[in-house]
C-alpha atoms as a PDB file:
ATOM      1  CA  UNK A   1       0.000   0.000   0.000  1.00  0.00           C
ATOM      2  CA  UNK A   2       1.090   3.583  -0.606  1.00  0.00           C
ATOM      3  CA  UNK A   3      -0.017   7.113   0.073  1.00  0.00           C
ATOM      4  CA  UNK A   4      -1.229   9.128  -2.908  1.00  0.00           C
ATOM      5  CA  UNK A   5      -0.469  12.848  -2.858  1.00  0.00           C
ATOM      6  CA  UNK A   6      -2.276  15.306  -5.126  1.00  0.00           C
ATOM      7  CA  UNK A   7      -0.853  18.813  -5.445  1.00  0.00           C
ATOM      8  CA  UNK A   8      -3.409  21.184  -6.964  1.00  0.00           C
ATOM      9  CA  UNK A   9      -2.529  24.671  -8.143  1.00  0.00           C
ATOM     10  CA  UNK A  10      -5.092  27.340  -7.220  1.00  0.00           C
ATOM     11  CA  UNK A  11      -7.593  28.616  -9.771  1.00  0.00           C
ATOM     12  CA  UNK A  12      -7.116  31.650 -11.986  1.00  0.00           C
ATOM     13  CA  UNK A  13      -6.795  34.776  -9.826  1.00  0.00           C
ATOM     14  CA  UNK A  14      -6.705  38.526 -10.348  1.00  0.00           C
ATOM     15  CA  UNK A  15      -4.127  40.877  -8.852  1.00  0.00           C
ATOM     16  CA  UNK A  16      -5.468  43.839  -6.875  1.00  0.00           C
ATOM     17  CA  UNK A  17      -3.427  46.952  -7.747  1.00  0.00           C
ATOM     18  CA  UNK A  18      -0.541  44.670  -8.650  1.00  0.00           C
ATOM     19  CA  UNK A  19      -0.817  42.730  -5.386  1.00  0.00           C
ATOM     20  CA  UNK A  20      -0.952  38.948  -5.804  1.00  0.00           C
ATOM     21  CA  UNK A  21      -0.799  38.210  -2.074  1.00  0.00           C
ATOM     22  CA  UNK A  22      -4.507  38.911  -1.496  1.00  0.00           C
ATOM     23  CA  UNK A  23      -5.623  38.052  -5.037  1.00  0.00           C
ATOM     24  CA  UNK A  24      -9.140  36.575  -5.272  1.00  0.00           C
ATOM     25  CA  UNK A  25     -10.244  34.100  -7.913  1.00  0.00           C
ATOM     26  CA  UNK A  26     -11.718  35.279 -11.181  1.00  0.00           C
ATOM     27  CA  UNK A  27     -14.966  33.821 -12.551  1.00  0.00           C
ATOM     28  CA  UNK A  28     -12.783  31.433 -14.557  1.00  0.00           C
ATOM     29  CA  UNK A  29     -10.879  30.455 -11.417  1.00  0.00           C
ATOM     30  CA  UNK A  30     -14.092  29.680  -9.529  1.00  0.00           C
ATOM     31  CA  UNK A  31     -15.308  27.516 -12.407  1.00  0.00           C
ATOM     32  CA  UNK A  32     -11.959  25.692 -12.503  1.00  0.00           C
ATOM     33  CA  UNK A  33     -12.201  25.005  -8.773  1.00  0.00           C
ATOM     34  CA  UNK A  34     -15.772  23.733  -9.148  1.00  0.00           C
ATOM     35  CA  UNK A  35     -14.754  21.321 -11.913  1.00  0.00           C
ATOM     36  CA  UNK A  36     -11.841  20.115  -9.804  1.00  0.00           C
ATOM     37  CA  UNK A  37     -14.212  19.526  -6.888  1.00  0.00           C
ATOM     38  CA  UNK A  38     -16.574  17.565  -9.105  1.00  0.00           C
ATOM     39  CA  UNK A  39     -13.660  15.421 -10.248  1.00  0.00           C
ATOM     40  CA  UNK A  40     -12.570  14.719  -6.664  1.00  0.00           C
ATOM     41  CA  UNK A  41     -16.145  13.961  -5.663  1.00  0.00           C
ATOM     42  CA  UNK A  42     -16.166  10.945  -7.966  1.00  0.00           C
ATOM     43  CA  UNK A  43     -15.940   7.834  -5.721  1.00  0.00           C
ATOM     44  CA  UNK A  44     -12.750   6.658  -7.436  1.00  0.00           C
ATOM     45  CA  UNK A  45     -11.051  10.020  -6.826  1.00  0.00           C
ATOM     46  CA  UNK A  46     -12.200  10.875  -3.303  1.00  0.00           C
ATOM     47  CA  UNK A  47      -9.582  12.096  -0.852  1.00  0.00           C
ATOM     48  CA  UNK A  48      -9.035  11.254   2.812  1.00  0.00           C
ATOM     49  CA  UNK A  49      -7.038  14.375   3.703  1.00  0.00           C
ATOM     50  CA  UNK A  50      -7.573  17.897   2.401  1.00  0.00           C
ATOM     51  CA  UNK A  51      -5.146  20.799   2.946  1.00  0.00           C
ATOM     52  CA  UNK A  52      -4.435  24.260   1.537  1.00  0.00           C
ATOM     53  CA  UNK A  53      -2.143  27.253   1.715  1.00  0.00           C
ATOM     54  CA  UNK A  54      -3.743  30.111   3.691  1.00  0.00           C
ATOM     55  CA  UNK A  55      -3.337  32.712   0.923  1.00  0.00           C
ATOM     56  CA  UNK A  56      -6.583  34.118  -0.478  1.00  0.00           C
ATOM     57  CA  UNK A  57      -6.485  32.407  -3.884  1.00  0.00           C
ATOM     58  CA  UNK A  58      -5.762  28.983  -2.414  1.00  0.00           C
ATOM     59  CA  UNK A  59      -8.292  29.338   0.413  1.00  0.00           C
ATOM     60  CA  UNK A  60     -10.985  30.315  -2.076  1.00  0.00           C
ATOM     61  CA  UNK A  61     -10.071  27.437  -4.405  1.00  0.00           C
ATOM     62  CA  UNK A  62     -10.120  24.991  -1.491  1.00  0.00           C
ATOM     63  CA  UNK A  63     -13.469  26.314  -0.242  1.00  0.00           C
ATOM     64  CA  UNK A  64     -15.122  25.700  -3.613  1.00  0.00           C
ATOM     65  CA  UNK A  65     -13.558  22.242  -3.921  1.00  0.00           C
ATOM     66  CA  UNK A  66     -14.546  21.490  -0.314  1.00  0.00           C
ATOM     67  CA  UNK A  67     -18.183  22.339  -1.002  1.00  0.00           C
ATOM     68  CA  UNK A  68     -18.171  19.712  -3.738  1.00  0.00           C
ATOM     69  CA  UNK A  69     -16.471  16.972  -1.720  1.00  0.00           C
ATOM     70  CA  UNK A  70     -17.936  17.712   1.700  1.00  0.00           C
ATOM     71  CA  UNK A  71     -14.609  18.529   3.351  1.00  0.00           C
ATOM     72  CA  UNK A  72     -13.070  21.667   4.823  1.00  0.00           C
ATOM     73  CA  UNK A  73      -9.402  22.193   4.010  1.00  0.00           C
ATOM     74  CA  UNK A  74      -6.920  22.454   6.864  1.00  0.00           C
ATOM     75  CA  UNK A  75      -4.680  25.501   6.385  1.00  0.00           C
ATOM     76  CA  UNK A  76      -0.901  24.980   6.339  1.00  0.00           C
ATOM     77  CA  UNK A  77       1.368  28.032   6.492  1.00  0.00           C
ATOM     78  CA  UNK A  78       4.459  26.198   5.200  1.00  0.00           C
ATOM     79  CA  UNK A  79       2.992  25.704   1.728  1.00  0.00           C
ATOM     80  CA  UNK A  80       2.650  29.384   0.896  1.00  0.00           C
ATOM     81  CA  UNK A  81       4.232  30.637  -2.329  1.00  0.00           C
ATOM     82  CA  UNK A  82       7.931  31.494  -2.663  1.00  0.00           C
ATOM     83  CA  UNK A  83       8.787  34.579  -0.584  1.00  0.00           C
ATOM     84  CA  UNK A  84      11.068  37.431  -1.611  1.00  0.00           C
ATOM     85  CA  UNK A  85      13.477  36.943   1.291  1.00  0.00           C
ATOM     86  CA  UNK A  86      14.037  33.311   0.187  1.00  0.00           C
ATOM     87  CA  UNK A  87      15.202  34.303  -3.284  1.00  0.00           C
ATOM     88  CA  UNK A  88      18.895  35.201  -2.684  1.00  0.00           C
ATOM     89  CA  UNK A  89      19.745  31.898  -0.979  1.00  0.00           C
ATOM     90  CA  UNK A  90      17.597  29.963  -3.444  1.00  0.00           C
ATOM     91  CA  UNK A  91      19.341  31.525  -6.447  1.00  0.00           C
ATOM     92  CA  UNK A  92      22.785  30.886  -4.969  1.00  0.00           C
ATOM     93  CA  UNK A  93      22.128  27.230  -4.149  1.00  0.00           C
ATOM     94  CA  UNK A  94      20.268  26.444  -7.363  1.00  0.00           C
ATOM     95  CA  UNK A  95      23.214  27.718  -9.391  1.00  0.00           C
ATOM     96  CA  UNK A  96      25.465  25.382  -7.380  1.00  0.00           C
ATOM     97  CA  UNK A  97      23.149  22.395  -7.690  1.00  0.00           C
ATOM     98  CA  UNK A  98      25.011  20.871 -10.670  1.00  0.00           C
ATOM     99  CA  UNK A  99      28.158  20.506  -8.564  1.00  0.00           C
ATOM    100  CA  UNK A 100      28.869  17.033  -7.190  1.00  0.00           C
ATOM    101  CA  UNK A 101      28.717  17.829  -3.432  1.00  0.00           C
ATOM    102  CA  UNK A 102      25.390  19.657  -3.737  1.00  0.00           C
ATOM    103  CA  UNK A 103      24.003  17.044  -6.092  1.00  0.00           C
ATOM    104  CA  UNK A 104      24.963  14.289  -3.633  1.00  0.00           C
ATOM    105  CA  UNK A 105      23.254  16.171  -0.807  1.00  0.00           C
ATOM    106  CA  UNK A 106      20.039  16.618  -2.800  1.00  0.00           C
ATOM    107  CA  UNK A 107      20.005  12.945  -3.774  1.00  0.00           C
ATOM    108  CA  UNK A 108      20.513  11.920  -0.129  1.00  0.00           C
ATOM    109  CA  UNK A 109      17.587  14.075   1.081  1.00  0.00           C
ATOM    110  CA  UNK A 110      14.932  12.783  -1.321  1.00  0.00           C
ATOM    111  CA  UNK A 111      11.783  12.178   0.714  1.00  0.00           C
ATOM    112  CA  UNK A 112      13.543  13.320   3.901  1.00  0.00           C
ATOM    113  CA  UNK A 113      13.854  16.643   5.762  1.00  0.00           C
ATOM    114  CA  UNK A 114      16.076  18.967   3.765  1.00  0.00           C
ATOM    115  CA  UNK A 115      17.902  22.230   4.424  1.00  0.00           C
ATOM    116  CA  UNK A 116      17.093  24.217   1.280  1.00  0.00           C
ATOM    117  CA  UNK A 117      15.159  27.428   0.615  1.00  0.00           C
ATOM    118  CA  UNK A 118      11.432  26.808   0.027  1.00  0.00           C
ATOM    119  CA  UNK A 119      11.898  23.021  -0.100  1.00  0.00           C
ATOM    120  CA  UNK A 120      12.631  22.929   3.629  1.00  0.00           C
ATOM    121  CA  UNK A 121       9.229  24.280   4.667  1.00  0.00           C
ATOM    122  CA  UNK A 122       7.291  22.600   1.836  1.00  0.00           C
ATOM    123  CA  UNK A 123       8.796  19.186   2.572  1.00  0.00           C
ATOM    124  CA  UNK A 124       8.175  19.599   6.318  1.00  0.00           C
ATOM    125  CA  UNK A 125       4.450  20.113   5.713  1.00  0.00           C
ATOM    126  CA  UNK A 126       4.212  17.284   3.203  1.00  0.00           C
ATOM    127  CA  UNK A 127       6.034  14.868   5.485  1.00  0.00           C
ATOM    128  CA  UNK A 128       3.727  15.813   8.347  1.00  0.00           C
ATOM    129  CA  UNK A 129       0.519  15.210   6.417  1.00  0.00           C
ATOM    130  CA  UNK A 130       1.814  12.021   4.777  1.00  0.00           C
ATOM    131  CA  UNK A 131       2.458  10.588   8.247  1.00  0.00           C
ATOM    132  CA  UNK A 132      -1.142  11.462   9.173  1.00  0.00           C
ATOM    133  CA  UNK A 133      -2.562   9.623   6.176  1.00  0.00           C
ATOM    134  CA  UNK A 134      -0.734   6.326   5.639  1.00  0.00           C
ATOM    135  CA  UNK A 135      -2.014   4.449   2.596  1.00  0.00           C
ATOM    136  CA  UNK A 136      -4.592   7.143   1.879  1.00  0.00           C
ATOM    137  CA  UNK A 137      -5.161   9.856  -0.729  1.00  0.00           C
ATOM    138  CA  UNK A 138      -4.337  13.480   0.158  1.00  0.00           C
ATOM    139  CA  UNK A 139      -5.167  16.654  -1.777  1.00  0.00           C
ATOM    140  CA  UNK A 140      -3.188  19.844  -1.176  1.00  0.00           C
ATOM    141  CA  UNK A 141      -4.194  23.153  -2.797  1.00  0.00           C
ATOM    142  CA  UNK A 142      -1.051  25.212  -3.220  1.00  0.00           C
ATOM    143  CA  UNK A 143       0.939  27.345  -5.667  1.00  0.00           C
ATOM    144  CA  UNK A 144       3.082  26.941  -8.775  1.00  0.00           C
ATOM    145  CA  UNK A 145       6.316  27.546  -6.847  1.00  0.00           C
ATOM    146  CA  UNK A 146       5.315  25.122  -4.105  1.00  0.00           C
ATOM    147  CA  UNK A 147       4.651  22.408  -6.679  1.00  0.00           C
ATOM    148  CA  UNK A 148       8.029  23.109  -8.324  1.00  0.00           C
ATOM    149  CA  UNK A 149       9.690  22.844  -4.908  1.00  0.00           C
ATOM    150  CA  UNK A 150       7.979  19.527  -4.114  1.00  0.00           C
ATOM    151  CA  UNK A 151       8.989  18.060  -7.469  1.00  0.00           C
ATOM    152  CA  UNK A 152      12.569  19.303  -7.016  1.00  0.00           C
ATOM    153  CA  UNK A 153      12.710  17.682  -3.579  1.00  0.00           C
ATOM    154  CA  UNK A 154      11.445  14.292  -4.750  1.00  0.00           C
ATOM    155  CA  UNK A 155      13.143  14.332  -8.186  1.00  0.00           C
ATOM    156  CA  UNK A 156      16.228  16.577  -7.896  1.00  0.00           C
ATOM    157  CA  UNK A 157      17.794  15.300 -11.102  1.00  0.00           C
ATOM    158  CA  UNK A 158      15.151  17.264 -13.063  1.00  0.00           C
ATOM    159  CA  UNK A 159      14.939  20.328 -10.818  1.00  0.00           C
ATOM    160  CA  UNK A 160      15.718  22.659 -13.722  1.00  0.00           C
ATOM    161  CA  UNK A 161      12.664  21.364 -15.582  1.00  0.00           C
ATOM    162  CA  UNK A 162      10.389  21.684 -12.550  1.00  0.00           C
ATOM    163  CA  UNK A 163      11.309  25.314 -11.977  1.00  0.00           C
ATOM    164  CA  UNK A 164      11.138  26.279 -15.649  1.00  0.00           C
ATOM    165  CA  UNK A 165       7.648  24.808 -16.097  1.00  0.00           C
ATOM    166  CA  UNK A 166       4.572  26.648 -14.832  1.00  0.00           C
ATOM    167  CA  UNK A 167       1.710  24.283 -14.079  1.00  0.00           C
ATOM    168  CA  UNK A 168      -1.800  25.263 -15.150  1.00  0.00           C
ATOM    169  CA  UNK A 169      -4.475  26.629 -12.845  1.00  0.00           C
ATOM    170  CA  UNK A 170      -6.256  23.824 -10.963  1.00  0.00           C
ATOM    171  CA  UNK A 171      -3.931  21.260 -12.549  1.00  0.00           C
ATOM    172  CA  UNK A 172      -3.191  18.136 -10.536  1.00  0.00           C
ATOM    173  CA  UNK A 173       0.313  16.763  -9.994  1.00  0.00           C
ATOM    174  CA  UNK A 174       0.035  13.304  -8.493  1.00  0.00           C
ATOM    175  CA  UNK A 175       2.587  11.263  -6.522  1.00  0.00           C
ATOM    176  CA  UNK A 176       2.634   7.726  -5.174  1.00  0.00           C
ATOM    177  CA  UNK A 177       4.575   7.797  -1.895  1.00  0.00           C
ATOM    178  CA  UNK A 178       6.111   4.750  -0.205  1.00  0.00           C
ATOM    179  CA  UNK A 179       8.477   5.693   2.614  1.00  0.00           C
ATOM    180  CA  UNK A 180      11.017   8.109   1.152  1.00  0.00           C
ATOM    181  CA  UNK A 181      10.373   6.919  -2.392  1.00  0.00           C
ATOM    182  CA  UNK A 182       8.041   8.822  -4.716  1.00  0.00           C
ATOM    183  CA  UNK A 183       6.696   7.891  -8.114  1.00  0.00           C
ATOM    184  CA  UNK A 184       5.311  10.641 -10.322  1.00  0.00           C
ATOM    185  CA  UNK A 185       1.931   9.426 -11.573  1.00  0.00           C
ATOM    186  CA  UNK A 186       0.817  12.641 -13.295  1.00  0.00           C
ATOM    187  CA  UNK A 187       2.317  16.067 -13.899  1.00  0.00           C
ATOM    188  CA  UNK A 188       0.210  19.145 -14.655  1.00  0.00           C
ATOM    189  CA  UNK A 189      -2.862  17.005 -15.330  1.00  0.00           C
ATOM    190  CA  UNK A 190      -5.786  19.103 -16.598  1.00  0.00           C
ATOM    191  CA  UNK A 191      -7.993  16.381 -18.094  1.00  0.00           C
ATOM    192  CA  UNK A 192     -10.679  17.112 -15.488  1.00  0.00           C
ATOM    193  CA  UNK A 193     -11.097  20.657 -16.843  1.00  0.00           C
ATOM    194  CA  UNK A 194     -13.136  21.471 -19.930  1.00  0.00           C
ATOM    195  CA  UNK A 195     -11.093  23.046 -22.769  1.00  0.00           C
ATOM    196  CA  UNK A 196     -12.749  26.427 -22.206  1.00  0.00           C
ATOM    197  CA  UNK A 197     -11.601  26.424 -18.578  1.00  0.00           C
ATOM    198  CA  UNK A 198      -7.884  25.775 -19.069  1.00  0.00           C
ATOM    199  CA  UNK A 199      -5.455  28.576 -18.195  1.00  0.00           C
ATOM    200  CA  UNK A 200      -1.785  28.798 -17.268  1.00  0.00           C
ATOM    201  CA  UNK A 201      -1.459  31.993 -15.304  1.00  0.00           C
ATOM    202  CA  UNK A 202       2.012  33.465 -14.683  1.00  0.00           C
ATOM    203  CA  UNK A 203       3.026  32.813 -11.079  1.00  0.00           C
ATOM    204  CA  UNK A 204       3.874  35.401  -8.444  1.00  0.00           C
ATOM    205  CA  UNK A 205       6.927  37.596  -9.069  1.00  0.00           C
ATOM    206  CA  UNK A 206       9.271  35.708  -6.674  1.00  0.00           C
ATOM    207  CA  UNK A 207       8.653  32.535  -8.697  1.00  0.00           C
ATOM    208  CA  UNK A 208       9.281  34.365 -11.968  1.00  0.00           C
ATOM    209  CA  UNK A 209      12.606  35.589 -10.585  1.00  0.00           C
ATOM    210  CA  UNK A 210      13.448  32.023  -9.552  1.00  0.00           C
ATOM    211  CA  UNK A 211      12.639  30.785 -13.060  1.00  0.00           C
ATOM    212  CA  UNK A 212      15.066  33.289 -14.531  1.00  0.00           C
ATOM    213  CA  UNK A 213      17.992  31.588 -12.764  1.00  0.00           C
ATOM    214  CA  UNK A 214      17.022  28.289 -14.411  1.00  0.00           C
ATOM    215  CA  UNK A 215      17.614  29.220 -18.067  1.00  0.00           C
ATOM    216  CA  UNK A 216      17.114  26.559 -20.718  1.00  0.00           C
ATOM    217  CA  UNK A 217      20.834  26.310 -21.460  1.00  0.00           C
ATOM    218  CA  UNK A 218      21.497  25.533 -17.783  1.00  0.00           C
ATOM    219  CA  UNK A 219      18.902  22.795 -17.931  1.00  0.00           C
ATOM    220  CA  UNK A 220      20.661  21.251 -20.909  1.00  0.00           C
ATOM    221  CA  UNK A 221      23.989  21.361 -19.073  1.00  0.00           C
ATOM    222  CA  UNK A 222      22.386  19.736 -16.042  1.00  0.00           C
ATOM    223  CA  UNK A 223      20.806  16.937 -18.105  1.00  0.00           C
ATOM    224  CA  UNK A 224      24.133  16.286 -19.879  1.00  0.00           C
ATOM    225  CA  UNK A 225      25.961  16.170 -16.548  1.00  0.00           C
ATOM    226  CA  UNK A 226      23.506  13.598 -15.188  1.00  0.00           C
ATOM    227  CA  UNK A 227      24.035  11.324 -18.203  1.00  0.00           C
ATOM    228  CA  UNK A 228      27.858  11.343 -18.045  1.00  0.00           C
END
């Protein structure tokens, strides 16, 4: 038996005077959340644990999903989006991550507590809720940067890809977790959304800055290094 973890990006949101921190969902975002809730309400997709970041756009997404599945999401502060003060250390370490000592450290911390910007707090929350739900299915409503961090923690050899890719609104990234081992069952899955309700909204500015330090050419160097 294994635990199944579903990471769901929040629905489409609108900035208020440039502020994304308190951004509410748009009409499209509310419809995306409703369709996601309908999908999770199907008996074969029902979840045992339901969690969300406390930011406005994730709380609103989780509330709409919760109304469909009959569950109220438990708020988790550690799965908030990337923060500005985390960026300098994150940039520095990500640029070093193709070096052998750092690569060895990342490989050794897969599925375990890790000392790394963003990943440290994200992994701590995920480990905590996984322990609470052995052999069950968990849904977590979070953010694009949080999903990139979780993927980078479990699959560090492709961390450049995870940070360069922005998952779609209300997409589902699904993991099968057994101990410290994770299998990626689905990445950026949007099959539960109708074509008219698919959007890939740019993430918050701190995530965009983080993406800029993962240029495509660096990703190619990283992939080549892993193969040699």
